[in-house]
Amino acid sequence: MNIINWLSSIGTKQKMDDDLKNKIRLSNYLTSAFLVIIITYSVISFFLIPEIINYCLLGFVLYAANLAFSYFGFHRLTRFGISLFPPIVIAVLHATIMQPGEPPRNEIYVFQAIACLIPFAVFDIRRLVYWLGPFLFSFLLLFYIEELNNYFNTELDSSIFDTGWLYFAIIAGAVMVGAFIIIFLKYLNLVQFKRTSELLSEIEEENKRAQEKEQELTKTLSDLEVAQKEESKRNWKTSGLAEIGNLLRVEDDLDELCDKIIAYIVKYMEASQGALFLLDDDTTKDRQEQELYIKSAYAYERKKRLDHRVQAGEGLIGQCFLEKDYIYLTEVPDSFISIKSGLGDANPRSILITPMIVNEQVYGIFEIASFKEIEQYQIDFMMELGENIAMTLNNFKVNERTKKLLEETQEQSEQLRSQEEEMRQNMEELQATQEEQERQQKEMAEKIKELEREKAQALSRLAELETD
């Protein structure tokens, strides 16, 4: 088995194509088979027909040379050799065995005919330029046996070929070569079928893997698309909050701020109408009695904006105030609200009402009407925006209270200063009055003393007068 494997692998290399390897192996097998046959015929001819021993040895040399061609890598020459050498050797032996006046021997004709098929086995049938020449040459030799017989004209006793065993020996050689070609071609077909099946399996596996990769890629692209959409939503939300945050930082007038906020929100949301309600600052009322009023609006009717107030719990605005959560409507009644333009009016497709809430305290309400459905990320944006604005409104109210307290304190300080000045003036006047009273008292005391002195003097004179 090792010798057979070695003979079949002569001249083959690992990097060769499988088809070429199989053609080289078939050439090596056929050459080896013809070597065995020619050696057998050489032994037979040596003992029985020595006249043809030289031609048998010629065949041996040709077949051995063909193996040498294969060993040294002349693969195409090897295949030409195995296509031409057997028909030539068989034709020469046939012409030599035939004697003048004898017809060609059928058993050798069969051998020649089988040898004509070798080019189809060792060459690719699509390579016409390779197999056509050897085939035509081998085929023509079938018709020129008599001419070859005249050329060689070797005298021998051909009656020995009429014996049964030698006849069958020739037939056996032909059958062996034919069977070998058929079996090897069948083997090649099986190998090719197996390889085709493996290729089909590999293709199916590749297709399966490609489909899996395509599915993975589709899923990845889908996930990427979802991630991009989510990122786009986050960027949209961040950009809107940043823009409103900038308005909240730079604008210190509440009326102007509310007008800019509602106008920006309606445009940014791609809505059609909007209103901003603020909580009335009347702290004397409890929560159920508190009211909200429209501070600013966008695309509302003027009559609807004037003095429009909503009590807590009244309508959707009042309910949103009490529940401290958003209300989203997609089925808007015809009589609920309409969006007007110069060409007419139409009902919105959706309405969103969101609270401006921070620390569980509602400072105002947004109402947005749109011809499109409002998505959840836009609702989240409005809720977060409401919290930011509520903080600013809280700061506004704190600042207003602080300002009011400061003004009241300053007013009280002014009043205290005025009262202090008045009291100082009163004290000064009182002190002046006291000083005047003291002066007058001193003057009175002096006058009294003077009067008493004058009285004493008068009494003294009177006493003197009485004495006199």
Protein backbone atom coordinates (compact mmCIF):
# COMPACT_ATOMS: atom_id res chain seq x y z
CA MET A 1 0.00 0.00 0.00
CA ASN A 2 2.90 2.35 0.76
CA ILE A 3 4.42 1.64 -2.68
CA ILE A 4 1.09 2.37 -4.35
CA ASN A 5 0.75 5.63 -2.41
CA TRP A 6 4.32 6.55 -3.29
CA LEU A 7 3.75 5.82 -6.99
CA SER A 8 0.53 7.82 -7.04
CA SER A 9 2.11 10.82 -5.31
CA ILE A 10 5.15 11.08 -7.61
CA GLY A 11 5.39 14.68 -8.86
CA THR A 12 2.51 16.01 -6.73
CA LYS A 13 2.93 19.01 -4.42
CA GLN A 14 0.88 20.27 -1.52
CA LYS A 15 0.09 23.62 -3.13
CA MET A 16 -1.29 22.04 -6.33
CA ASP A 17 -4.94 22.22 -7.26
CA ASP A 18 -6.89 19.03 -6.43
CA ASP A 19 -7.90 18.48 -10.08
CA LEU A 20 -4.28 18.62 -11.21
CA LYS A 21 -3.24 16.27 -8.41
CA ASN A 22 -5.88 13.74 -9.48
CA LYS A 23 -4.77 13.94 -13.12
CA ILE A 24 -1.13 13.37 -12.10
CA ARG A 25 -2.13 10.44 -9.84
CA LEU A 26 -4.14 8.87 -12.67
CA SER A 27 -1.16 9.28 -15.03
CA ASN A 28 1.11 7.65 -12.44
CA TYR A 29 -1.36 4.79 -11.86
CA LEU A 30 -1.76 4.14 -15.58
CA THR A 31 1.98 4.29 -16.17
CA SER A 32 2.56 1.87 -13.28
CA ALA A 33 -0.19 -0.44 -14.58
CA PHE A 34 1.34 -0.49 -18.07
CA LEU A 35 4.75 -1.15 -16.50
CA VAL A 36 3.33 -4.20 -14.74
CA ILE A 37 1.62 -5.36 -17.95
CA ILE A 38 4.72 -4.84 -20.12
CA ILE A 39 6.91 -6.63 -17.59
CA THR A 40 4.45 -9.54 -17.61
CA TYR A 41 4.41 -9.60 -21.40
CA SER A 42 8.22 -9.33 -21.45
CA VAL A 43 8.51 -12.44 -19.29
CA ILE A 44 6.03 -14.29 -21.48
CA SER A 45 7.79 -13.19 -24.67
CA PHE A 46 11.19 -14.12 -23.25
CA PHE A 47 10.13 -17.72 -22.90
CA LEU A 48 7.61 -18.09 -25.71
CA ILE A 49 8.14 -15.34 -28.29
CA PRO A 50 11.69 -13.97 -28.00
CA GLU A 51 11.23 -12.14 -31.32
CA ILE A 52 9.17 -9.40 -29.63
CA ILE A 53 11.24 -9.07 -26.43
CA ASN A 54 12.96 -5.94 -27.75
CA TYR A 55 9.64 -4.19 -28.35
CA CYS A 56 8.48 -5.15 -24.88
CA LEU A 57 11.68 -3.69 -23.45
CA LEU A 58 11.06 -0.55 -25.54
CA GLY A 59 7.67 -0.25 -23.85
CA PHE A 60 9.30 -0.74 -20.44
CA VAL A 61 11.78 2.06 -21.15
CA LEU A 62 9.03 4.42 -22.35
CA TYR A 63 6.84 3.78 -19.29
CA ALA A 64 9.77 4.12 -16.90
CA ALA A 65 10.76 7.38 -18.61
CA ASN A 66 7.21 8.60 -18.18
CA LEU A 67 7.44 8.05 -14.42
CA ALA A 68 10.72 9.98 -14.47
CA PHE A 69 8.98 12.86 -16.26
CA SER A 70 6.40 12.93 -13.50
CA TYR A 71 9.04 12.75 -10.77
CA PHE A 72 10.90 15.78 -12.15
CA GLY A 73 7.73 17.83 -12.47
CA PHE A 74 7.06 17.59 -16.21
CA HIS A 75 3.40 16.90 -15.56
CA ARG A 76 2.01 17.87 -18.93
CA LEU A 77 4.71 15.83 -20.70
CA THR A 78 3.84 12.89 -18.42
CA ARG A 79 0.20 13.07 -19.47
CA PHE A 80 1.15 13.33 -23.15
CA GLY A 81 3.43 10.33 -22.63
CA ILE A 82 0.78 8.11 -21.04
CA SER A 83 -1.63 9.18 -23.81
CA LEU A 84 0.80 8.26 -26.63
CA PHE A 85 3.15 5.53 -25.35
CA PRO A 86 0.57 2.73 -24.75
CA PRO A 87 -1.11 3.09 -28.20
CA ILE A 88 2.34 3.17 -29.86
CA VAL A 89 3.70 0.15 -27.96
CA ILE A 90 0.50 -1.86 -28.47
CA ALA A 91 0.39 -0.92 -32.18
CA VAL A 92 4.06 -1.94 -32.66
CA LEU A 93 3.50 -5.26 -30.87
CA HIS A 94 0.30 -5.81 -32.88
CA ALA A 95 2.09 -5.10 -36.18
CA THR A 96 4.98 -7.37 -35.15
CA ILE A 97 2.77 -10.28 -34.10
CA MET A 98 0.72 -10.11 -37.33
CA GLN A 99 2.19 -12.23 -40.09
CA PRO A 100 1.81 -11.58 -43.82
CA GLY A 101 -1.65 -12.55 -45.00
CA GLU A 102 -3.11 -12.69 -41.46
CA PRO A 103 -5.94 -10.34 -40.38
CA PRO A 104 -5.46 -8.02 -37.38
CA ARG A 105 -6.06 -9.73 -34.07
CA ASN A 106 -9.29 -8.66 -32.41
CA GLU A 107 -8.04 -9.03 -28.84
CA ILE A 108 -5.16 -6.62 -29.54
CA TYR A 109 -7.54 -4.26 -31.36
CA VAL A 110 -9.60 -4.13 -28.17
CA PHE A 111 -6.44 -3.26 -26.23
CA GLN A 112 -5.62 -0.50 -28.74
CA ALA A 113 -9.16 0.89 -28.64
CA ILE A 114 -9.07 1.08 -24.85
CA ALA A 115 -5.69 2.84 -25.01
CA CYS A 116 -7.26 5.48 -27.29
CA LEU A 117 -9.45 6.57 -24.36
CA ILE A 118 -6.54 7.51 -22.09
CA PRO A 119 -6.34 11.21 -23.26
CA PHE A 120 -9.92 11.75 -22.09
CA ALA A 121 -8.96 10.51 -18.63
CA VAL A 122 -5.73 12.43 -18.04
CA PHE A 123 -6.69 15.76 -19.64
CA ASP A 124 -9.49 18.16 -18.84
CA ILE A 125 -12.16 17.61 -21.48
CA ARG A 126 -12.43 21.39 -21.84
CA ARG A 127 -8.75 21.58 -22.91
CA LEU A 128 -9.32 20.45 -26.52
CA VAL A 129 -5.82 21.45 -27.61
CA TYR A 130 -4.28 18.90 -25.21
CA TRP A 131 -6.31 15.73 -25.69
CA LEU A 132 -7.36 16.03 -29.35
CA GLY A 133 -3.89 15.37 -30.84
CA PRO A 134 -3.05 12.23 -28.79
CA PHE A 135 -6.56 10.86 -29.36
CA LEU A 136 -6.45 11.33 -33.15
CA PHE A 137 -2.96 9.84 -33.34
CA SER A 138 -4.01 6.79 -31.29
CA PHE A 139 -7.20 6.41 -33.30
CA LEU A 140 -5.33 6.54 -36.65
CA LEU A 141 -3.00 3.77 -35.49
CA LEU A 142 -6.01 1.44 -35.51
CA PHE A 143 -6.26 1.84 -39.30
CA TYR A 144 -2.53 1.62 -40.10
CA ILE A 145 -1.75 -1.76 -38.55
CA GLU A 146 -1.14 -3.41 -41.93
CA GLU A 147 1.24 -0.61 -42.99
CA LEU A 148 3.11 -1.02 -39.71
CA ASN A 149 3.16 -4.78 -40.28
CA ASN A 150 4.83 -4.27 -43.62
CA TYR A 151 7.37 -1.98 -41.97
CA PHE A 152 8.40 -4.32 -39.14
CA ASN A 153 7.88 -7.64 -41.01
CA THR A 154 9.12 -9.89 -38.18
CA GLU A 155 8.80 -13.64 -38.75
CA LEU A 156 7.46 -15.61 -35.78
CA ASP A 157 5.04 -18.36 -34.98
CA SER A 158 1.78 -16.50 -34.34
CA SER A 159 -0.16 -19.69 -33.69
CA ILE A 160 0.79 -19.45 -30.03
CA PHE A 161 -1.63 -16.52 -29.73
CA ASP A 162 -4.42 -18.84 -30.72
CA THR A 163 -4.03 -20.74 -27.46
CA GLY A 164 -6.63 -19.86 -24.88
CA TRP A 165 -4.46 -18.63 -22.01
CA LEU A 166 -2.40 -16.14 -24.06
CA TYR A 167 -5.53 -14.82 -25.77
CA PHE A 168 -7.14 -14.28 -22.42
CA ALA A 169 -3.91 -12.76 -21.05
CA ILE A 170 -4.11 -10.05 -23.70
CA ILE A 171 -7.84 -9.58 -23.08
CA ALA A 172 -7.17 -9.46 -19.33
CA GLY A 173 -4.57 -6.71 -19.82
CA ALA A 174 -7.02 -4.69 -21.89
CA VAL A 175 -9.83 -5.25 -19.41
CA MET A 176 -7.52 -4.35 -16.51
CA VAL A 177 -6.54 -1.06 -18.14
CA GLY A 178 -10.13 -0.27 -19.12
CA ALA A 179 -11.46 -1.21 -15.71
CA PHE A 180 -8.72 0.81 -14.05
CA ILE A 181 -9.62 3.87 -16.11
CA ILE A 182 -13.34 3.43 -15.39
CA ILE A 183 -12.80 2.79 -11.69
CA PHE A 184 -10.44 5.72 -11.30
CA LEU A 185 -12.77 8.01 -13.22
CA LYS A 186 -15.59 6.77 -10.99
CA TYR A 187 -13.37 7.47 -8.02
CA LEU A 188 -12.68 10.95 -9.36
CA ASN A 189 -16.41 11.46 -9.81
CA LEU A 190 -17.00 10.35 -6.24
CA VAL A 191 -14.22 12.64 -5.03
CA GLN A 192 -15.63 15.45 -7.12
CA PHE A 193 -19.13 14.71 -5.82
CA LYS A 194 -17.84 14.61 -2.26
CA ARG A 195 -15.91 17.82 -2.80
CA THR A 196 -18.96 19.40 -4.43
CA SER A 197 -21.09 18.25 -1.50
CA GLU A 198 -18.52 19.64 0.90
CA LEU A 199 -18.42 22.86 -1.09
CA LEU A 200 -22.21 23.01 -1.03
CA SER A 201 -22.14 22.34 2.70
CA GLU A 202 -19.48 25.01 3.12
CA ILE A 203 -21.52 27.37 0.95
CA GLU A 204 -24.59 26.60 3.04
CA GLU A 205 -22.56 27.16 6.20
CA GLU A 206 -21.16 30.35 4.73
CA ASN A 207 -24.66 31.43 3.73
CA LYS A 208 -25.88 30.55 7.19
CA ARG A 209 -23.02 32.45 8.78
CA ALA A 210 -23.60 35.29 6.32
CA GLN A 211 -27.28 35.32 7.24
CA GLU A 212 -26.37 35.27 10.94
CA LYS A 213 -23.87 38.06 10.37
CA GLU A 214 -26.46 39.91 8.32
CA GLN A 215 -28.96 39.48 11.14
CA GLU A 216 -26.32 40.59 13.65
CA LEU A 217 -25.42 43.52 11.41
CA THR A 218 -29.10 44.36 10.97
CA LYS A 219 -29.58 44.18 14.73
CA THR A 220 -26.44 46.24 15.27
CA LEU A 221 -27.62 48.80 12.72
CA SER A 222 -31.05 48.78 14.33
CA ASP A 223 -29.51 49.24 17.78
CA LEU A 224 -27.25 51.94 16.37
CA GLU A 225 -30.22 53.65 14.75
CA VAL A 226 -32.13 53.47 18.03
CA ALA A 227 -29.07 54.78 19.89
CA GLN A 228 -28.71 57.59 17.35
CA LYS A 229 -32.38 58.47 17.73
CA GLU A 230 -32.03 58.42 21.52
CA GLU A 231 -28.89 60.54 21.26
CA SER A 232 -30.72 62.93 18.92
CA LYS A 233 -33.56 63.18 21.43
CA ARG A 234 -31.10 63.83 24.26
CA ASN A 235 -29.33 66.49 22.20
CA TRP A 236 -32.69 68.06 21.32
CA LYS A 237 -33.68 68.09 24.98
CA THR A 238 -30.29 69.43 26.15
CA SER A 239 -30.28 72.16 23.49
CA GLY A 240 -33.79 73.30 24.43
CA LEU A 241 -33.04 73.34 28.15
CA ALA A 242 -29.82 75.27 27.50
CA GLU A 243 -31.63 77.89 25.42
CA ILE A 244 -34.34 78.36 28.04
CA GLY A 245 -31.67 78.40 30.74
CA ASN A 246 -29.96 81.23 28.91
CA LEU A 247 -33.25 83.17 28.81
CA LEU A 248 -33.75 82.56 32.52
CA ARG A 249 -30.26 83.91 33.27
CA VAL A 250 -30.29 87.06 31.15
CA GLU A 251 -33.93 88.20 31.45
CA ASP A 252 -34.93 89.91 34.69
CA ASP A 253 -38.35 91.19 33.63
CA LEU A 254 -41.02 88.58 34.37
CA ASP A 255 -43.46 89.71 31.66
CA GLU A 256 -40.78 89.77 28.98
CA LEU A 257 -39.39 86.45 30.19
CA CYS A 258 -42.77 84.69 30.04
CA ASP A 259 -43.45 86.00 26.51
CA LYS A 260 -40.08 84.75 25.25
CA ILE A 261 -40.43 81.38 26.98
CA ILE A 262 -43.87 80.49 25.58
CA ALA A 263 -42.93 81.69 22.07
CA TYR A 264 -39.71 79.64 22.10
CA ILE A 265 -41.41 76.50 23.47
CA VAL A 266 -44.21 76.51 20.89
CA LYS A 267 -41.71 76.89 18.04
CA TYR A 268 -39.22 74.39 19.49
CA MET A 269 -41.95 71.79 20.02
CA GLU A 270 -43.20 72.46 16.47
CA ALA A 271 -46.60 73.10 18.04
CA SER A 272 -49.23 75.61 17.00
CA GLN A 273 -50.51 77.23 20.16
CA GLY A 274 -49.45 77.68 23.76
CA ALA A 275 -50.20 79.44 27.04
CA LEU A 276 -48.34 80.00 30.29
CA PHE A 277 -50.42 80.18 33.49
CA LEU A 278 -48.98 81.47 36.76
CA LEU A 279 -50.28 80.97 40.28
CA ASP A 280 -51.89 83.97 41.94
CA ASP A 281 -49.79 85.08 44.92
CA ASP A 282 -52.80 85.59 47.19
CA THR A 283 -51.64 83.70 50.29
CA THR A 284 -54.89 84.28 52.16
CA LYS A 285 -56.63 81.54 50.15
CA ASP A 286 -56.20 77.83 50.80
CA ARG A 287 -55.04 75.44 48.05
CA GLN A 288 -58.53 74.55 46.80
CA GLU A 289 -59.38 78.23 46.33
CA GLN A 290 -56.15 79.34 44.65
CA GLU A 291 -56.34 80.65 41.11
CA LEU A 292 -54.11 80.63 38.03
CA TYR A 293 -54.07 83.34 35.41
CA ILE A 294 -52.66 83.58 31.89
CA LYS A 295 -49.35 85.35 32.11
CA SER A 296 -48.39 84.90 28.46
CA ALA A 297 -49.76 83.14 25.37
CA TYR A 298 -48.80 82.31 21.79
CA ALA A 299 -51.35 82.25 18.94
CA TYR A 300 -54.32 82.51 21.37
CA GLU A 301 -57.35 84.64 20.63
CA ARG A 302 -57.08 88.06 22.30
CA LYS A 303 -60.46 87.69 24.02
CA LYS A 304 -59.32 84.44 25.49
CA ARG A 305 -56.19 86.00 26.93
CA LEU A 306 -57.82 88.93 28.72
CA ASP A 307 -58.44 88.33 32.42
CA HIS A 308 -58.66 84.57 31.90
CA ARG A 309 -58.38 82.93 35.31
CA VAL A 310 -58.72 79.29 36.35
CA GLN A 311 -59.52 78.10 39.84
CA ALA A 312 -57.76 75.05 41.32
CA GLY A 313 -59.56 71.90 40.15
CA GLU A 314 -61.37 73.73 37.35
CA GLY A 315 -60.91 72.11 33.94
CA LEU A 316 -57.70 70.46 32.84
CA ILE A 317 -55.54 73.39 33.94
CA GLY A 318 -56.97 73.33 37.46
CA GLN A 319 -56.81 69.53 37.62
CA CYS A 320 -53.16 69.54 36.54
CA PHE A 321 -52.48 72.05 39.32
CA LEU A 322 -54.05 69.77 41.95
CA GLU A 323 -52.56 66.49 40.66
CA LYS A 324 -49.09 67.99 40.10
CA ASP A 325 -48.65 65.82 36.98
CA TYR A 326 -48.98 66.24 33.23
CA ILE A 327 -52.15 65.64 31.22
CA TYR A 328 -51.86 64.52 27.60
CA LEU A 329 -54.85 64.37 25.23
CA THR A 330 -54.89 62.91 21.72
CA GLU A 331 -58.67 62.92 21.24
CA VAL A 332 -59.56 66.59 21.42
CA PRO A 333 -63.28 67.48 21.32
CA ASP A 334 -64.31 69.86 18.55
CA SER A 335 -65.56 72.46 21.01
CA PHE A 336 -62.51 72.28 23.28
CA ILE A 337 -60.04 74.47 21.39
CA SER A 338 -59.34 75.61 17.85
CA ILE A 339 -56.28 77.01 16.12
CA LYS A 340 -57.06 79.93 13.87
CA SER A 341 -55.22 81.33 10.86
CA GLY A 342 -56.04 83.78 8.12
CA LEU A 343 -57.63 81.01 6.05
CA GLY A 344 -59.73 79.41 8.78
CA ASP A 345 -59.47 77.36 11.92
CA ALA A 346 -58.89 73.71 12.82
CA ASN A 347 -58.84 71.50 15.88
CA PRO A 348 -55.44 70.39 17.21
CA ARG A 349 -54.50 66.73 17.20
CA SER A 350 -53.01 66.72 20.69
CA ILE A 351 -52.90 68.87 23.84
CA LEU A 352 -50.23 68.71 26.52
CA ILE A 353 -50.65 70.33 29.95
CA THR A 354 -47.63 70.24 32.27
CA PRO A 355 -47.03 71.77 35.71
CA MET A 356 -44.14 74.03 36.68
CA ILE A 357 -43.32 72.34 39.96
CA VAL A 358 -40.39 72.29 42.37
CA ASN A 359 -40.28 70.97 45.93
CA GLU A 360 -43.91 69.82 45.55
CA GLN A 361 -44.98 73.43 45.00
CA VAL A 362 -46.74 74.33 41.73
CA TYR A 363 -45.84 77.78 40.40
CA GLY A 364 -47.56 77.63 37.04
CA ILE A 365 -48.96 75.54 34.17
CA PHE A 366 -48.02 75.11 30.49
CA GLU A 367 -50.69 74.36 27.88
CA ILE A 368 -49.44 73.30 24.41
CA ALA A 369 -51.71 72.51 21.43
CA SER A 370 -50.28 70.83 18.31
CA PHE A 371 -51.41 69.37 14.99
CA LYS A 372 -48.94 66.52 15.60
CA GLU A 373 -48.74 63.91 18.33
CA ILE A 374 -46.33 64.85 21.09
CA GLU A 375 -43.77 62.14 21.88
CA GLN A 376 -42.77 60.99 25.35
CA TYR A 377 -39.30 62.54 25.21
CA GLN A 378 -40.96 65.91 24.46
CA ILE A 379 -43.23 65.45 27.48
CA ASP A 380 -40.16 64.66 29.63
CA PHE A 381 -38.55 67.80 28.23
CA MET A 382 -41.55 69.91 29.25
CA MET A 383 -41.60 68.39 32.75
CA GLU A 384 -37.90 69.11 33.31
CA LEU A 385 -38.29 72.54 31.74
CA GLY A 386 -41.21 73.24 34.08
CA GLU A 387 -39.02 72.41 37.07
CA ASN A 388 -36.28 74.78 35.88
CA ILE A 389 -38.78 77.58 35.25
CA ALA A 390 -40.47 76.91 38.60
CA MET A 391 -37.12 77.40 40.32
CA THR A 392 -36.69 80.69 38.47
CA LEU A 393 -40.24 81.79 39.32
CA ASN A 394 -39.57 80.87 42.93
CA ASN A 395 -36.44 83.00 42.79
CA PHE A 396 -38.48 85.80 41.23
CA LYS A 397 -41.02 85.60 44.04
CA VAL A 398 -38.31 85.40 46.69
CA ASN A 399 -36.60 88.39 45.11
CA GLU A 400 -39.89 90.27 44.91
CA ARG A 401 -40.66 89.48 48.55
CA THR A 402 -37.14 90.48 49.52
CA LYS A 403 -37.45 93.67 47.51
CA LYS A 404 -40.83 94.40 49.04
CA LEU A 405 -39.54 93.71 52.54
CA LEU A 406 -36.53 95.87 51.82
CA GLU A 407 -38.75 98.67 50.58
CA GLU A 408 -40.98 98.30 53.64
CA THR A 409 -37.92 98.27 55.89
CA GLN A 410 -36.53 101.33 54.17
CA GLU A 411 -39.90 103.04 54.46
CA GLN A 412 -40.11 102.15 58.13
CA SER A 413 -36.55 103.39 58.60
CA GLU A 414 -37.48 106.65 56.92
CA GLN A 415 -40.52 106.93 59.14
CA LEU A 416 -38.42 106.20 62.21
CA ARG A 417 -35.86 108.76 61.13
CA SER A 418 -38.65 111.29 60.53
CA GLN A 419 -40.20 110.54 63.91
CA GLU A 420 -36.79 110.75 65.54
CA GLU A 421 -36.19 114.13 63.95
CA GLU A 422 -39.60 115.29 65.02
CA MET A 423 -39.00 114.06 68.55
CA ARG A 424 -35.60 115.76 68.56
CA GLN A 425 -37.21 118.97 67.46
CA ASN A 426 -39.88 118.55 70.12
CA MET A 427 -37.23 117.88 72.72
CA GLU A 428 -35.35 120.96 71.63
CA GLU A 429 -38.53 123.01 71.79
CA LEU A 430 -39.35 121.49 75.17
CA GLN A 431 -35.86 122.26 76.39
CA ALA A 432 -36.17 125.80 75.11
CA THR A 433 -39.52 126.09 76.84
CA GLN A 434 -38.03 124.76 80.05
CA GLU A 435 -35.15 127.18 79.77
CA GLU A 436 -37.62 130.01 79.13
CA GLN A 437 -39.66 128.91 82.11
CA GLU A 438 -36.54 128.76 84.25
CA ARG A 439 -35.57 132.25 83.05
CA GLN A 440 -39.04 133.52 83.71
CA GLN A 441 -38.99 131.83 87.12
CA LYS A 442 -35.66 133.49 87.88
CA GLU A 443 -37.05 136.81 86.71
CA MET A 444 -40.13 136.27 88.86
CA ALA A 445 -37.98 135.30 91.81
CA GLU A 446 -35.87 138.41 91.34
CA LYS A 447 -39.01 140.53 90.98
CA ILE A 448 -40.41 138.94 94.11
CA LYS A 449 -37.18 139.56 95.94
CA GLU A 450 -37.18 143.12 94.68
CA LEU A 451 -40.79 143.56 95.70
CA GLU A 452 -40.06 142.06 99.10
CA ARG A 453 -37.06 144.39 99.40
CA GLU A 454 -39.18 147.30 98.32
CA LYS A 455 -41.83 146.14 100.78
CA ALA A 456 -39.29 145.91 103.54
CA GLN A 457 -38.01 149.34 102.68
CA ALA A 458 -41.53 150.68 102.62
CA LEU A 459 -42.31 149.11 105.98
CA SER A 460 -39.07 150.46 107.29
CA ARG A 461 -39.99 153.97 106.16
CA LEU A 462 -43.43 153.53 107.47
CA ALA A 463 -42.06 152.51 110.83
CA GLU A 464 -39.78 155.44 110.80
CA LEU A 465 -42.62 157.70 109.98
CA GLU A 466 -44.68 156.27 112.76
CA THR A 467 -41.81 156.77 115.11
CA ASP A 468 -41.38 160.31 114.14
